[in-house]
Amino acid sequence: MTHQAHLFRNRWRPRALAVVLAVTALLVGAATAAQAHDILVGTSPADGSTVKVVPAQVTLTFDQPALAVGTQIIITGPSGQAQTGAAVLVDNTVSEHLRPGSPAGRYTVIWRVISNDGHPVSGKFTFTASSPSPGQQTTPATSTTSAPAVVSGQSHALWWVVAGSLLGVLLLLVVFIRSRKPRSTPHDERDPKS
């Protein structure tokens, strides 16, 4: 084995280990950041379910409390928007009241909550009611509120994983290219006449 090959092998291993550790740290950091977002663990009524009567409220349960600022639930039924008032946050639940006298039919719930880390998490689900809710039906008020964009919190995590992987590949490429360049040694600098 030549001196050059021995130097290459001895220098390559620590560099490769450093790159692998850096990529691992990036991927673990991305996964930890993704886990900091609130996760929806249940809804009442359940997604896709059929209930006997339009419920008085819709409740979303998360794995941790959400922030009130920016949290919004929009419920749309056969006669338009059916929610009344602002979303109510209690511990790890977010609730929205429905108008009394809401008609039977299919309801769509579009929600957005702000996690404790400040990132928005959103989603959508539906349920169907066989009978209208008790009470006198009110005419839905005209609202200029637009529906929140439905963006999954998991898309942020996927972006970080892809970015971390690309960075790791680039680091490996740089280390490989730098290690392949010939290095001059004192033996190479000898006078050709001697």
C-alpha atoms as a PDB file:
ATOM      1  CA  MET A   1       0.000   0.000   0.000  1.00  0.00           C
ATOM      2  CA  THR A   2       1.413   3.382  -0.957  1.00  0.00           C
ATOM      3  CA  HIS A   3       1.812   6.206   1.450  1.00  0.00           C
ATOM      4  CA  GLN A   4      -0.769   8.241  -0.526  1.00  0.00           C
ATOM      5  CA  ALA A   5      -3.440   5.492  -0.273  1.00  0.00           C
ATOM      6  CA  HIS A   6      -2.798   5.105   3.446  1.00  0.00           C
ATOM      7  CA  LEU A   7      -3.243   8.870   3.980  1.00  0.00           C
ATOM      8  CA  PHE A   8      -6.446   8.823   1.903  1.00  0.00           C
ATOM      9  CA  ARG A   9      -7.927   5.990   3.934  1.00  0.00           C
ATOM     10  CA  ASN A  10      -6.978   7.571   7.274  1.00  0.00           C
ATOM     11  CA  ARG A  11      -8.411  10.963   6.320  1.00  0.00           C
ATOM     12  CA  TRP A  12     -11.592   9.624   4.667  1.00  0.00           C
ATOM     13  CA  ARG A  13     -12.992   7.731   7.646  1.00  0.00           C
ATOM     14  CA  PRO A  14     -13.200  10.658  10.125  1.00  0.00           C
ATOM     15  CA  ARG A  15     -14.646  12.897   7.420  1.00  0.00           C
ATOM     16  CA  ALA A  16     -17.269  10.338   6.426  1.00  0.00           C
ATOM     17  CA  LEU A  17     -18.183   9.820  10.091  1.00  0.00           C
ATOM     18  CA  ALA A  18     -18.539  13.583  10.576  1.00  0.00           C
ATOM     19  CA  VAL A  19     -20.822  13.867   7.527  1.00  0.00           C
ATOM     20  CA  VAL A  20     -22.990  10.943   8.665  1.00  0.00           C
ATOM     21  CA  LEU A  21     -23.308  12.472  12.144  1.00  0.00           C
ATOM     22  CA  ALA A  22     -24.211  15.885  10.687  1.00  0.00           C
ATOM     23  CA  VAL A  23     -26.904  14.426   8.416  1.00  0.00           C
ATOM     24  CA  THR A  24     -28.310  12.382  11.301  1.00  0.00           C
ATOM     25  CA  ALA A  25     -28.446  15.473  13.520  1.00  0.00           C
ATOM     26  CA  LEU A  26     -30.298  17.403  10.799  1.00  0.00           C
ATOM     27  CA  LEU A  27     -32.858  14.657  10.278  1.00  0.00           C
ATOM     28  CA  VAL A  28     -33.438  14.197  14.019  1.00  0.00           C
ATOM     29  CA  GLY A  29     -33.805  17.960  14.412  1.00  0.00           C
ATOM     30  CA  ALA A  30     -36.367  18.063  11.611  1.00  0.00           C
ATOM     31  CA  ALA A  31     -38.364  15.254  13.168  1.00  0.00           C
ATOM     32  CA  THR A  32     -38.293  16.979  16.559  1.00  0.00           C
ATOM     33  CA  ALA A  33     -39.494  20.249  15.014  1.00  0.00           C
ATOM     34  CA  ALA A  34     -42.337  18.428  13.291  1.00  0.00           C
ATOM     35  CA  GLN A  35     -43.368  16.792  16.551  1.00  0.00           C
ATOM     36  CA  ALA A  36     -43.688  20.207  18.212  1.00  0.00           C
ATOM     37  CA  HIS A  37     -46.814  20.987  16.158  1.00  0.00           C
ATOM     38  CA  ASP A  38     -50.234  20.213  17.615  1.00  0.00           C
ATOM     39  CA  ILE A  39     -51.667  16.921  16.377  1.00  0.00           C
ATOM     40  CA  LEU A  40     -55.415  16.392  15.960  1.00  0.00           C
ATOM     41  CA  VAL A  41     -56.321  13.277  17.971  1.00  0.00           C
ATOM     42  CA  GLY A  42     -60.102  13.326  17.569  1.00  0.00           C
ATOM     43  CA  THR A  43     -63.222  15.211  16.518  1.00  0.00           C
ATOM     44  CA  SER A  44     -66.795  15.259  17.741  1.00  0.00           C
ATOM     45  CA  PRO A  45     -68.688  14.397  15.564  1.00  0.00           C
ATOM     46  CA  ALA A  46     -66.158  11.994  14.058  1.00  0.00           C
ATOM     47  CA  ASP A  47     -64.951  12.485  10.506  1.00  0.00           C
ATOM     48  CA  GLY A  48     -67.330  10.840   8.025  1.00  0.00           C
ATOM     49  CA  SER A  49     -69.883   9.947  10.694  1.00  0.00           C
ATOM     50  CA  THR A  50     -73.677  10.299  10.569  1.00  0.00           C
ATOM     51  CA  VAL A  51     -75.351  11.757  13.663  1.00  0.00           C
ATOM     52  CA  LYS A  52     -79.077  11.785  14.473  1.00  0.00           C
ATOM     53  CA  VAL A  53     -79.333  15.533  15.076  1.00  0.00           C
ATOM     54  CA  VAL A  54     -77.140  18.497  14.117  1.00  0.00           C
ATOM     55  CA  PRO A  55     -74.957  18.938  17.222  1.00  0.00           C
ATOM     56  CA  ALA A  56     -74.902  22.138  19.253  1.00  0.00           C
ATOM     57  CA  GLN A  57     -71.139  22.339  18.758  1.00  0.00           C
ATOM     58  CA  VAL A  58     -68.196  20.765  16.968  1.00  0.00           C
ATOM     59  CA  THR A  59     -65.160  19.905  19.104  1.00  0.00           C
ATOM     60  CA  LEU A  60     -61.597  19.170  18.008  1.00  0.00           C
ATOM     61  CA  THR A  61     -59.193  17.516  20.458  1.00  0.00           C
ATOM     62  CA  PHE A  62     -55.429  17.960  20.098  1.00  0.00           C
ATOM     63  CA  ASP A  63     -52.444  16.366  21.801  1.00  0.00           C
ATOM     64  CA  GLN A  64     -51.554  19.727  23.403  1.00  0.00           C
ATOM     65  CA  PRO A  65     -53.209  23.145  23.891  1.00  0.00           C
ATOM     66  CA  ALA A  66     -53.426  25.542  20.949  1.00  0.00           C
ATOM     67  CA  LEU A  67     -53.038  29.326  20.911  1.00  0.00           C
ATOM     68  CA  ALA A  68     -56.173  31.455  20.597  1.00  0.00           C
ATOM     69  CA  VAL A  69     -54.631  33.939  18.153  1.00  0.00           C
ATOM     70  CA  GLY A  70     -55.285  32.755  14.598  1.00  0.00           C
ATOM     71  CA  THR A  71     -57.335  29.722  15.628  1.00  0.00           C
ATOM     72  CA  GLN A  72     -60.451  29.417  13.485  1.00  0.00           C
ATOM     73  CA  ILE A  73     -63.177  26.893  12.665  1.00  0.00           C
ATOM     74  CA  ILE A  74     -65.554  27.378   9.739  1.00  0.00           C
ATOM     75  CA  ILE A  75     -68.551  25.040   9.500  1.00  0.00           C
ATOM     76  CA  THR A  76     -70.539  24.957   6.276  1.00  0.00           C
ATOM     77  CA  GLY A  77     -73.842  23.114   5.937  1.00  0.00           C
ATOM     78  CA  PRO A  78     -76.770  22.904   3.500  1.00  0.00           C
ATOM     79  CA  SER A  79     -77.747  26.528   4.177  1.00  0.00           C
ATOM     80  CA  GLY A  80     -74.244  28.032   4.179  1.00  0.00           C
ATOM     81  CA  GLN A  81     -72.029  28.891   7.128  1.00  0.00           C
ATOM     82  CA  ALA A  82     -73.414  27.333  10.290  1.00  0.00           C
ATOM     83  CA  GLN A  83     -70.999  28.406  13.025  1.00  0.00           C
ATOM     84  CA  THR A  84     -71.813  31.158  15.462  1.00  0.00           C
ATOM     85  CA  GLY A  85     -69.330  33.157  17.498  1.00  0.00           C
ATOM     86  CA  ALA A  86     -65.618  32.569  17.893  1.00  0.00           C
ATOM     87  CA  ALA A  87     -63.846  29.296  18.534  1.00  0.00           C
ATOM     88  CA  VAL A  88     -63.558  28.404  22.239  1.00  0.00           C
ATOM     89  CA  LEU A  89     -60.281  26.956  23.535  1.00  0.00           C
ATOM     90  CA  VAL A  90     -60.263  24.906  26.746  1.00  0.00           C
ATOM     91  CA  ASP A  91     -57.100  22.961  27.576  1.00  0.00           C
ATOM     92  CA  ASN A  92     -56.384  20.842  24.483  1.00  0.00           C
ATOM     93  CA  THR A  93     -59.852  21.200  22.889  1.00  0.00           C
ATOM     94  CA  VAL A  94     -61.163  23.769  20.429  1.00  0.00           C
ATOM     95  CA  SER A  95     -64.956  24.070  20.006  1.00  0.00           C
ATOM     96  CA  GLU A  96     -67.250  25.995  17.699  1.00  0.00           C
ATOM     97  CA  HIS A  97     -71.013  26.428  18.278  1.00  0.00           C
ATOM     98  CA  LEU A  98     -73.522  25.811  15.499  1.00  0.00           C
ATOM     99  CA  ARG A  99     -76.605  27.942  14.884  1.00  0.00           C
ATOM    100  CA  PRO A 100     -79.831  26.679  16.484  1.00  0.00           C
ATOM    101  CA  GLY A 101     -82.204  25.224  13.904  1.00  0.00           C
ATOM    102  CA  SER A 102     -79.427  24.207  11.496  1.00  0.00           C
ATOM    103  CA  PRO A 103     -80.917  21.910   8.824  1.00  0.00           C
ATOM    104  CA  ALA A 104     -80.202  18.219   8.322  1.00  0.00           C
ATOM    105  CA  GLY A 105     -77.573  17.362   5.741  1.00  0.00           C
ATOM    106  CA  ARG A 106     -73.843  17.203   5.192  1.00  0.00           C
ATOM    107  CA  TYR A 107     -71.541  19.563   7.101  1.00  0.00           C
ATOM    108  CA  THR A 108     -67.939  20.428   6.277  1.00  0.00           C
ATOM    109  CA  VAL A 109     -65.589  21.638   9.009  1.00  0.00           C
ATOM    110  CA  ILE A 110     -62.468  23.530   7.959  1.00  0.00           C
ATOM    111  CA  TRP A 111     -60.147  24.297  10.860  1.00  0.00           C
ATOM    112  CA  ARG A 112     -56.871  26.017  11.581  1.00  0.00           C
ATOM    113  CA  VAL A 113     -55.138  26.178  14.952  1.00  0.00           C
ATOM    114  CA  ILE A 114     -51.896  27.781  15.971  1.00  0.00           C
ATOM    115  CA  SER A 115     -49.556  25.386  17.806  1.00  0.00           C
ATOM    116  CA  ASN A 116     -47.666  26.443  20.910  1.00  0.00           C
ATOM    117  CA  ASP A 117     -44.559  26.786  18.731  1.00  0.00           C
ATOM    118  CA  GLY A 118     -46.408  29.391  16.611  1.00  0.00           C
ATOM    119  CA  HIS A 119     -46.888  27.266  13.482  1.00  0.00           C
ATOM    120  CA  PRO A 120     -50.374  26.877  11.976  1.00  0.00           C
ATOM    121  CA  VAL A 121     -51.830  23.400  11.588  1.00  0.00           C
ATOM    122  CA  SER A 122     -55.012  22.930   9.600  1.00  0.00           C
ATOM    123  CA  GLY A 123     -57.349  20.353   8.157  1.00  0.00           C
ATOM    124  CA  LYS A 124     -60.849  19.483   7.078  1.00  0.00           C
ATOM    125  CA  PHE A 125     -63.469  16.867   7.929  1.00  0.00           C
ATOM    126  CA  THR A 126     -67.155  16.183   7.278  1.00  0.00           C
ATOM    127  CA  PHE A 127     -70.168  14.701   9.035  1.00  0.00           C
ATOM    128  CA  THR A 128     -73.830  14.240   8.154  1.00  0.00           C
ATOM    129  CA  ALA A 129     -76.862  14.999  10.348  1.00  0.00           C
ATOM    130  CA  SER A 130     -80.132  13.095   9.807  1.00  0.00           C
ATOM    131  CA  SER A 131     -82.340  15.709  11.569  1.00  0.00           C
ATOM    132  CA  PRO A 132     -82.112  19.476  12.109  1.00  0.00           C
ATOM    133  CA  SER A 133     -80.984  20.858  15.424  1.00  0.00           C
ATOM    134  CA  PRO A 134     -83.644  22.073  17.859  1.00  0.00           C
ATOM    135  CA  GLY A 135     -84.463  25.748  17.927  1.00  0.00           C
ATOM    136  CA  GLN A 136     -85.573  28.275  15.388  1.00  0.00           C
ATOM    137  CA  GLN A 137     -83.507  28.471  12.253  1.00  0.00           C
ATOM    138  CA  THR A 138     -81.760  31.767  11.846  1.00  0.00           C
ATOM    139  CA  THR A 139     -80.640  33.289   8.595  1.00  0.00           C
ATOM    140  CA  PRO A 140     -76.884  32.991   8.288  1.00  0.00           C
ATOM    141  CA  ALA A 141     -75.154  36.311   8.697  1.00  0.00           C
ATOM    142  CA  THR A 142     -73.093  37.523   5.777  1.00  0.00           C
ATOM    143  CA  SER A 143     -69.473  36.924   6.559  1.00  0.00           C
ATOM    144  CA  THR A 144     -66.334  38.168   4.867  1.00  0.00           C
ATOM    145  CA  THR A 145     -64.238  35.528   6.599  1.00  0.00           C
ATOM    146  CA  SER A 146     -62.428  33.344   4.134  1.00  0.00           C
ATOM    147  CA  ALA A 147     -61.720  29.703   4.799  1.00  0.00           C
ATOM    148  CA  PRO A 148     -58.260  28.977   6.146  1.00  0.00           C
ATOM    149  CA  ALA A 149     -55.879  27.265   3.797  1.00  0.00           C
ATOM    150  CA  VAL A 150     -55.743  23.550   4.420  1.00  0.00           C
ATOM    151  CA  VAL A 151     -52.071  22.745   4.854  1.00  0.00           C
ATOM    152  CA  SER A 152     -50.984  19.687   6.720  1.00  0.00           C
ATOM    153  CA  GLY A 153     -48.390  20.101   9.469  1.00  0.00           C
ATOM    154  CA  GLN A 154     -46.680  17.041   8.050  1.00  0.00           C
ATOM    155  CA  SER A 155     -45.752  18.922   4.872  1.00  0.00           C
ATOM    156  CA  HIS A 156     -43.419  21.108   6.951  1.00  0.00           C
ATOM    157  CA  ALA A 157     -41.712  18.019   8.333  1.00  0.00           C
ATOM    158  CA  LEU A 158     -41.332  16.539   4.865  1.00  0.00           C
ATOM    159  CA  TRP A 159     -39.720  19.746   3.635  1.00  0.00           C
ATOM    160  CA  TRP A 160     -37.162  19.643   6.454  1.00  0.00           C
ATOM    161  CA  VAL A 161     -36.348  15.988   5.809  1.00  0.00           C
ATOM    162  CA  VAL A 162     -35.823  16.644   2.093  1.00  0.00           C
ATOM    163  CA  ALA A 163     -33.707  19.742   2.786  1.00  0.00           C
ATOM    164  CA  GLY A 164     -31.613  17.862   5.357  1.00  0.00           C
ATOM    165  CA  SER A 165     -31.075  14.957   2.982  1.00  0.00           C
ATOM    166  CA  LEU A 166     -29.981  17.272   0.167  1.00  0.00           C
ATOM    167  CA  LEU A 167     -27.580  19.057   2.483  1.00  0.00           C
ATOM    168  CA  GLY A 168     -26.139  15.724   3.597  1.00  0.00           C
ATOM    169  CA  VAL A 169     -25.602  14.598  -0.001  1.00  0.00           C
ATOM    170  CA  LEU A 170     -23.899  17.908  -0.828  1.00  0.00           C
ATOM    171  CA  LEU A 171     -21.613  17.573   2.185  1.00  0.00           C
ATOM    172  CA  LEU A 172     -20.683  14.029   1.181  1.00  0.00           C
ATOM    173  CA  LEU A 173     -19.934  15.208  -2.360  1.00  0.00           C
ATOM    174  CA  VAL A 174     -17.718  18.059  -1.142  1.00  0.00           C
ATOM    175  CA  VAL A 175     -15.802  15.761   1.197  1.00  0.00           C
ATOM    176  CA  PHE A 176     -15.349  13.173  -1.537  1.00  0.00           C
ATOM    177  CA  ILE A 177     -14.116  15.733  -4.105  1.00  0.00           C
ATOM    178  CA  ARG A 178     -11.703  17.337  -1.645  1.00  0.00           C
ATOM    179  CA  SER A 179     -10.301  13.985  -0.614  1.00  0.00           C
ATOM    180  CA  ARG A 180      -9.705  12.958  -4.259  1.00  0.00           C
ATOM    181  CA  LYS A 181      -7.462  15.944  -5.076  1.00  0.00           C
ATOM    182  CA  PRO A 182      -3.787  14.954  -5.105  1.00  0.00           C
ATOM    183  CA  ARG A 183      -1.865  16.459  -2.264  1.00  0.00           C
ATOM    184  CA  SER A 184       1.770  17.381  -2.586  1.00  0.00           C
ATOM    185  CA  THR A 185       4.119  15.712  -0.148  1.00  0.00           C
ATOM    186  CA  PRO A 186       7.769  16.478   0.606  1.00  0.00           C
ATOM    187  CA  HIS A 187       8.727  13.455  -1.572  1.00  0.00           C
ATOM    188  CA  ASP A 188       6.927  14.955  -4.588  1.00  0.00           C
ATOM    189  CA  GLU A 189       8.768  18.256  -4.291  1.00  0.00           C
ATOM    190  CA  ARG A 190      12.201  16.706  -4.785  1.00  0.00           C
ATOM    191  CA  ASP A 191      14.442  18.128  -7.443  1.00  0.00           C
ATOM    192  CA  PRO A 192      14.024  16.001 -10.606  1.00  0.00           C
ATOM    193  CA  LYS A 193      17.819  16.104 -11.226  1.00  0.00           C
ATOM    194  CA  SER A 194      18.705  14.274  -8.029  1.00  0.00           C
END
